[in-house]
């Protein structure tokens, strides 16, 4: 199994954070305020120069709508986990109406077992 460096994870998360911040129409300053952290810290995270504390990571995910799969999928090599991530991504792209339908079908299938 290949080792994943903390630096690679930090750089990947920094890019994701920047992309989702922009997608949510937030400046670095606005995001820093929402997270209760400094603008300098946001900048260092986005540039991949700084890791992120667990609570800050969770807060970023909640505020910006980032799923754990988005953050960690590039580092996953287990095929079963990758299948689950792919399924989740397909599900996530559906309308709420279609998600409700799929969810109902899954409930039905589980009850058949």
N, C-alpha and C. Protein backbone atom coordinates (compact mmCIF):
# COMPACT_ATOMS: atom_id res chain seq x y z
N UNK A 1 0.85 -1.18 0.00
CA UNK A 1 0.00 0.00 0.00
C UNK A 1 0.90 1.24 0.00
N UNK A 2 0.60 2.16 -0.90
CA UNK A 2 1.37 3.40 -0.98
C UNK A 2 1.00 4.32 0.17
N UNK A 3 2.02 4.96 0.70
CA UNK A 3 1.81 5.90 1.79
C UNK A 3 1.41 7.26 1.21
N UNK A 4 0.49 7.90 1.87
CA UNK A 4 0.02 9.22 1.45
C UNK A 4 0.62 10.23 2.42
N UNK A 5 1.29 11.22 1.88
CA UNK A 5 1.94 12.20 2.75
C UNK A 5 0.94 13.23 3.26
N UNK A 6 1.22 13.74 4.44
CA UNK A 6 0.39 14.79 5.02
C UNK A 6 0.39 16.01 4.10
N UNK A 7 1.52 16.27 3.49
CA UNK A 7 1.64 17.40 2.57
C UNK A 7 0.67 17.25 1.39
N UNK A 8 0.56 16.04 0.83
CA UNK A 8 -0.37 15.81 -0.28
C UNK A 8 -1.81 16.01 0.15
N UNK A 9 -2.14 15.52 1.34
CA UNK A 9 -3.50 15.70 1.87
C UNK A 9 -3.78 17.18 2.10
N UNK A 10 -2.82 17.89 2.69
CA UNK A 10 -2.99 19.33 2.94
C UNK A 10 -3.20 20.10 1.65
N UNK A 11 -2.41 19.79 0.62
CA UNK A 11 -2.54 20.48 -0.67
C UNK A 11 -3.88 20.18 -1.32
N UNK A 12 -4.29 18.92 -1.26
CA UNK A 12 -5.58 18.53 -1.83
C UNK A 12 -6.72 19.25 -1.11
N UNK A 13 -6.68 19.25 0.22
CA UNK A 13 -7.75 19.92 0.96
C UNK A 13 -7.75 21.42 0.70
N UNK A 14 -6.57 22.01 0.59
CA UNK A 14 -6.49 23.44 0.31
C UNK A 14 -7.19 23.81 -0.99
N UNK A 15 -6.97 23.00 -2.02
CA UNK A 15 -7.62 23.24 -3.31
C UNK A 15 -9.13 23.06 -3.20
N UNK A 16 -9.56 22.02 -2.50
CA UNK A 16 -10.99 21.77 -2.31
C UNK A 16 -11.63 22.92 -1.54
N UNK A 17 -10.97 23.36 -0.47
CA UNK A 17 -11.50 24.46 0.33
C UNK A 17 -11.67 25.71 -0.52
N UNK A 18 -10.66 26.05 -1.32
CA UNK A 18 -10.73 27.23 -2.18
C UNK A 18 -11.90 27.08 -3.18
N UNK A 19 -11.98 25.91 -3.83
CA UNK A 19 -13.04 25.69 -4.83
C UNK A 19 -14.44 25.82 -4.21
N UNK A 20 -14.64 25.21 -3.05
CA UNK A 20 -15.96 25.26 -2.40
C UNK A 20 -16.24 26.65 -1.83
N UNK A 21 -15.22 27.36 -1.36
CA UNK A 21 -15.42 28.72 -0.86
C UNK A 21 -15.90 29.61 -1.99
N UNK A 22 -15.25 29.49 -3.15
CA UNK A 22 -15.63 30.28 -4.31
C UNK A 22 -17.02 29.89 -4.79
N UNK A 23 -17.28 28.59 -4.84
CA UNK A 23 -18.60 28.08 -5.25
C UNK A 23 -19.70 28.64 -4.35
N UNK A 24 -19.39 28.86 -3.07
CA UNK A 24 -20.35 29.40 -2.11
C UNK A 24 -20.31 30.93 -2.04
N UNK A 25 -19.59 31.54 -2.98
CA UNK A 25 -19.50 33.00 -3.07
C UNK A 25 -19.03 33.65 -1.77
N UNK A 26 -18.02 33.06 -1.17
CA UNK A 26 -17.44 33.61 0.05
C UNK A 26 -16.01 34.06 -0.20
N UNK A 27 -15.65 35.16 0.41
CA UNK A 27 -14.25 35.58 0.40
C UNK A 27 -13.53 34.81 1.49
N UNK A 28 -12.21 34.84 1.45
CA UNK A 28 -11.44 34.21 2.53
C UNK A 28 -11.80 34.85 3.87
N UNK A 29 -11.97 36.15 3.86
CA UNK A 29 -12.31 36.87 5.08
C UNK A 29 -13.67 36.43 5.63
N UNK A 30 -14.66 36.29 4.76
CA UNK A 30 -15.99 35.86 5.20
C UNK A 30 -15.95 34.44 5.77
N UNK A 31 -15.20 33.54 5.11
CA UNK A 31 -15.09 32.18 5.60
C UNK A 31 -14.36 32.15 6.94
N UNK A 32 -13.29 32.92 7.04
CA UNK A 32 -12.55 32.98 8.30
C UNK A 32 -13.46 33.42 9.44
N UNK A 33 -14.30 34.40 9.17
CA UNK A 33 -15.24 34.90 10.18
C UNK A 33 -16.24 33.81 10.58
N UNK A 34 -16.79 33.10 9.59
CA UNK A 34 -17.75 32.04 9.88
C UNK A 34 -17.10 30.91 10.70
N UNK A 35 -15.82 30.65 10.43
CA UNK A 35 -15.12 29.58 11.13
C UNK A 35 -14.52 30.03 12.46
N UNK A 36 -14.45 31.33 12.64
CA UNK A 36 -13.84 31.85 13.87
C UNK A 36 -12.33 31.64 13.90
N UNK A 37 -11.71 31.74 12.72
CA UNK A 37 -10.26 31.61 12.62
C UNK A 37 -9.72 32.80 11.84
N UNK A 38 -8.40 32.93 11.80
CA UNK A 38 -7.80 34.10 11.15
C UNK A 38 -7.78 33.95 9.63
N UNK A 39 -7.77 35.08 8.97
CA UNK A 39 -7.67 35.14 7.51
C UNK A 39 -6.34 34.51 7.08
N UNK A 40 -5.30 34.76 7.84
CA UNK A 40 -3.98 34.21 7.53
C UNK A 40 -4.02 32.67 7.55
N UNK A 41 -4.74 32.10 8.51
CA UNK A 41 -4.86 30.65 8.62
C UNK A 41 -5.59 30.08 7.40
N UNK A 42 -6.68 30.74 6.97
CA UNK A 42 -7.42 30.32 5.77
C UNK A 42 -6.48 30.33 4.57
N UNK A 43 -5.73 31.39 4.41
CA UNK A 43 -4.81 31.51 3.29
C UNK A 43 -3.78 30.39 3.31
N UNK A 44 -3.22 30.10 4.46
CA UNK A 44 -2.22 29.03 4.57
C UNK A 44 -2.83 27.67 4.25
N UNK A 45 -4.08 27.44 4.70
CA UNK A 45 -4.75 26.17 4.39
C UNK A 45 -4.97 26.05 2.88
N UNK A 46 -5.51 27.10 2.26
CA UNK A 46 -5.81 27.06 0.83
C UNK A 46 -4.55 26.88 -0.02
N UNK A 47 -3.44 27.38 0.45
CA UNK A 47 -2.18 27.24 -0.28
C UNK A 47 -1.49 25.91 0.01
N UNK A 48 -2.10 25.09 0.87
CA UNK A 48 -1.52 23.79 1.20
C UNK A 48 -0.33 23.88 2.11
N UNK A 49 -0.15 25.03 2.75
CA UNK A 49 1.00 25.24 3.63
C UNK A 49 0.70 24.92 5.08
N UNK A 50 -0.52 24.55 5.36
CA UNK A 50 -0.91 24.32 6.75
C UNK A 50 -1.95 23.21 6.79
N UNK A 51 -1.83 22.36 7.76
CA UNK A 51 -2.87 21.36 8.00
C UNK A 51 -4.06 22.04 8.64
N UNK A 52 -5.09 21.26 8.88
CA UNK A 52 -6.30 21.82 9.46
C UNK A 52 -6.69 20.99 10.67
N UNK A 53 -7.10 21.65 11.72
CA UNK A 53 -7.55 20.95 12.92
C UNK A 53 -8.85 20.22 12.61
N UNK A 54 -9.08 19.13 13.31
CA UNK A 54 -10.27 18.30 13.06
C UNK A 54 -11.55 19.12 13.17
N UNK A 55 -11.70 19.93 14.20
CA UNK A 55 -12.92 20.71 14.36
C UNK A 55 -13.09 21.71 13.22
N UNK A 56 -11.99 22.32 12.78
CA UNK A 56 -12.05 23.26 11.66
C UNK A 56 -12.45 22.53 10.38
N UNK A 57 -11.91 21.32 10.19
CA UNK A 57 -12.27 20.51 9.04
C UNK A 57 -13.77 20.23 9.03
N UNK A 58 -14.30 19.80 10.16
CA UNK A 58 -15.74 19.50 10.27
C UNK A 58 -16.56 20.77 10.03
N UNK A 59 -16.13 21.88 10.60
CA UNK A 59 -16.85 23.15 10.39
C UNK A 59 -16.84 23.54 8.90
N UNK A 60 -15.70 23.36 8.24
CA UNK A 60 -15.61 23.66 6.80
C UNK A 60 -16.58 22.79 6.02
N UNK A 61 -16.62 21.50 6.35
CA UNK A 61 -17.51 20.58 5.65
C UNK A 61 -18.97 21.00 5.83
N UNK A 62 -19.34 21.39 7.03
CA UNK A 62 -20.72 21.80 7.31
C UNK A 62 -21.07 23.13 6.65
N UNK A 63 -20.19 24.10 6.72
CA UNK A 63 -20.47 25.43 6.18
C UNK A 63 -20.49 25.41 4.65
N UNK A 64 -19.54 24.68 4.05
CA UNK A 64 -19.39 24.72 2.59
C UNK A 64 -20.04 23.54 1.87
N UNK A 65 -20.53 22.55 2.62
CA UNK A 65 -21.16 21.39 1.99
C UNK A 65 -20.17 20.43 1.34
N UNK A 66 -19.03 20.24 1.99
CA UNK A 66 -17.99 19.35 1.47
C UNK A 66 -18.19 17.96 2.09
N UNK A 67 -18.28 16.93 1.27
CA UNK A 67 -18.42 15.58 1.80
C UNK A 67 -17.04 14.99 2.09
N UNK A 68 -16.96 14.05 3.02
CA UNK A 68 -15.67 13.38 3.28
C UNK A 68 -15.12 12.72 2.02
N UNK A 69 -16.01 12.20 1.18
CA UNK A 69 -15.55 11.57 -0.06
C UNK A 69 -14.78 12.54 -0.93
N UNK A 70 -15.24 13.77 -0.98
CA UNK A 70 -14.58 14.79 -1.80
C UNK A 70 -13.14 14.99 -1.34
N UNK A 71 -12.95 14.95 -0.04
CA UNK A 71 -11.63 15.20 0.52
C UNK A 71 -10.70 14.00 0.36
N UNK A 72 -11.21 12.81 0.63
CA UNK A 72 -10.33 11.64 0.73
C UNK A 72 -10.34 10.70 -0.48
N UNK A 73 -11.30 10.82 -1.39
CA UNK A 73 -11.39 9.91 -2.54
C UNK A 73 -10.09 9.80 -3.35
N UNK A 74 -9.37 10.91 -3.57
CA UNK A 74 -8.15 10.78 -4.38
C UNK A 74 -7.09 9.85 -3.76
N UNK A 75 -7.22 9.56 -2.48
CA UNK A 75 -6.21 8.75 -1.80
C UNK A 75 -6.66 7.31 -1.55
N UNK A 76 -7.88 6.98 -1.96
CA UNK A 76 -8.43 5.64 -1.70
C UNK A 76 -8.06 4.70 -2.84
N UNK A 77 -7.59 3.51 -2.49
CA UNK A 77 -7.23 2.50 -3.49
C UNK A 77 -8.08 1.24 -3.36
N UNK A 78 -8.82 1.09 -2.28
CA UNK A 78 -9.66 -0.09 -2.06
C UNK A 78 -10.85 -0.04 -3.02
N UNK A 79 -10.97 -1.07 -3.88
CA UNK A 79 -12.01 -1.07 -4.92
C UNK A 79 -13.42 -1.03 -4.37
N UNK A 80 -13.68 -1.72 -3.27
CA UNK A 80 -15.02 -1.70 -2.68
C UNK A 80 -15.37 -0.31 -2.18
N UNK A 81 -14.42 0.35 -1.57
CA UNK A 81 -14.65 1.72 -1.09
C UNK A 81 -14.85 2.66 -2.28
N UNK A 82 -14.06 2.47 -3.34
CA UNK A 82 -14.21 3.30 -4.53
C UNK A 82 -15.58 3.11 -5.18
N UNK A 83 -16.11 1.89 -5.18
CA UNK A 83 -17.45 1.65 -5.71
C UNK A 83 -18.49 2.42 -4.89
N UNK A 84 -18.33 2.40 -3.58
CA UNK A 84 -19.26 3.13 -2.71
C UNK A 84 -19.18 4.63 -2.97
N UNK A 85 -17.97 5.14 -3.13
CA UNK A 85 -17.79 6.57 -3.41
C UNK A 85 -18.44 6.93 -4.74
N UNK A 86 -18.25 6.10 -5.76
CA UNK A 86 -18.85 6.34 -7.08
C UNK A 86 -20.37 6.36 -6.98
N UNK A 87 -20.91 5.39 -6.25
CA UNK A 87 -22.36 5.33 -6.05
C UNK A 87 -22.87 6.59 -5.34
N UNK A 88 -22.17 7.01 -4.31
CA UNK A 88 -22.53 8.22 -3.58
C UNK A 88 -22.50 9.45 -4.49
N UNK A 89 -21.46 9.55 -5.33
CA UNK A 89 -21.36 10.70 -6.23
C UNK A 89 -22.51 10.73 -7.23
N UNK A 90 -22.87 9.56 -7.75
CA UNK A 90 -24.02 9.50 -8.67
C UNK A 90 -25.30 9.91 -7.95
N UNK A 91 -25.49 9.39 -6.75
CA UNK A 91 -26.67 9.70 -5.95
C UNK A 91 -26.73 11.20 -5.65
N UNK A 92 -25.60 11.77 -5.29
CA UNK A 92 -25.54 13.19 -4.93
C UNK A 92 -25.93 14.12 -6.06
N UNK A 93 -25.71 13.67 -7.28
CA UNK A 93 -26.00 14.55 -8.42
C UNK A 93 -27.48 14.53 -8.82
N UNK A 94 -28.27 13.66 -8.20
CA UNK A 94 -29.69 13.57 -8.54
C UNK A 94 -30.51 14.69 -7.89
N UNK A 95 -31.68 14.94 -8.43
CA UNK A 95 -32.61 15.90 -7.83
C UNK A 95 -33.13 15.32 -6.51
N UNK A 96 -33.67 16.17 -5.67
CA UNK A 96 -34.22 15.70 -4.39
C UNK A 96 -35.33 14.68 -4.61
N UNK A 97 -36.13 14.89 -5.63
CA UNK A 97 -37.22 13.96 -5.93
C UNK A 97 -36.67 12.56 -6.28
N UNK A 98 -35.63 12.53 -7.10
CA UNK A 98 -35.03 11.26 -7.48
C UNK A 98 -34.30 10.60 -6.30
N UNK A 99 -33.69 11.42 -5.45
CA UNK A 99 -33.04 10.88 -4.24
C UNK A 99 -34.08 10.21 -3.35
N UNK A 100 -35.23 10.86 -3.17
CA UNK A 100 -36.30 10.27 -2.36
C UNK A 100 -36.76 8.95 -2.95
N UNK A 101 -36.88 8.90 -4.28
CA UNK A 101 -37.31 7.67 -4.95
C UNK A 101 -36.29 6.56 -4.72
N UNK A 102 -35.02 6.85 -4.96
CA UNK A 102 -33.96 5.85 -4.77
C UNK A 102 -33.92 5.39 -3.33
N UNK A 103 -34.06 6.31 -2.41
CA UNK A 103 -34.06 5.98 -0.98
C UNK A 103 -35.21 5.02 -0.65
N UNK A 104 -36.37 5.28 -1.22
CA UNK A 104 -37.53 4.39 -1.01
C UNK A 104 -37.27 3.01 -1.58
N UNK A 105 -36.66 2.96 -2.75
CA UNK A 105 -36.34 1.67 -3.37
C UNK A 105 -35.32 0.90 -2.52
N UNK A 106 -34.36 1.60 -1.97
CA UNK A 106 -33.37 0.94 -1.11
C UNK A 106 -34.02 0.40 0.16
N UNK A 107 -34.93 1.16 0.74
CA UNK A 107 -35.68 0.68 1.91
C UNK A 107 -36.44 -0.58 1.56
N UNK A 108 -37.07 -0.58 0.41
CA UNK A 108 -37.82 -1.76 -0.06
C UNK A 108 -36.90 -2.97 -0.20
N UNK A 109 -35.76 -2.78 -0.82
CA UNK A 109 -34.80 -3.87 -1.01
C UNK A 109 -34.27 -4.40 0.33
N UNK A 110 -34.03 -3.51 1.27
CA UNK A 110 -33.54 -3.94 2.58
C UNK A 110 -34.59 -4.75 3.30
N UNK A 111 -35.85 -4.39 3.14
CA UNK A 111 -36.94 -5.11 3.80
C UNK A 111 -37.18 -6.49 3.19
N UNK A 112 -36.71 -6.69 1.96
CA UNK A 112 -36.86 -8.00 1.31
C UNK A 112 -35.86 -9.03 1.86
N UNK A 113 -34.80 -8.54 2.41
CA UNK A 113 -33.74 -9.44 2.89
C UNK A 113 -34.14 -10.21 4.13
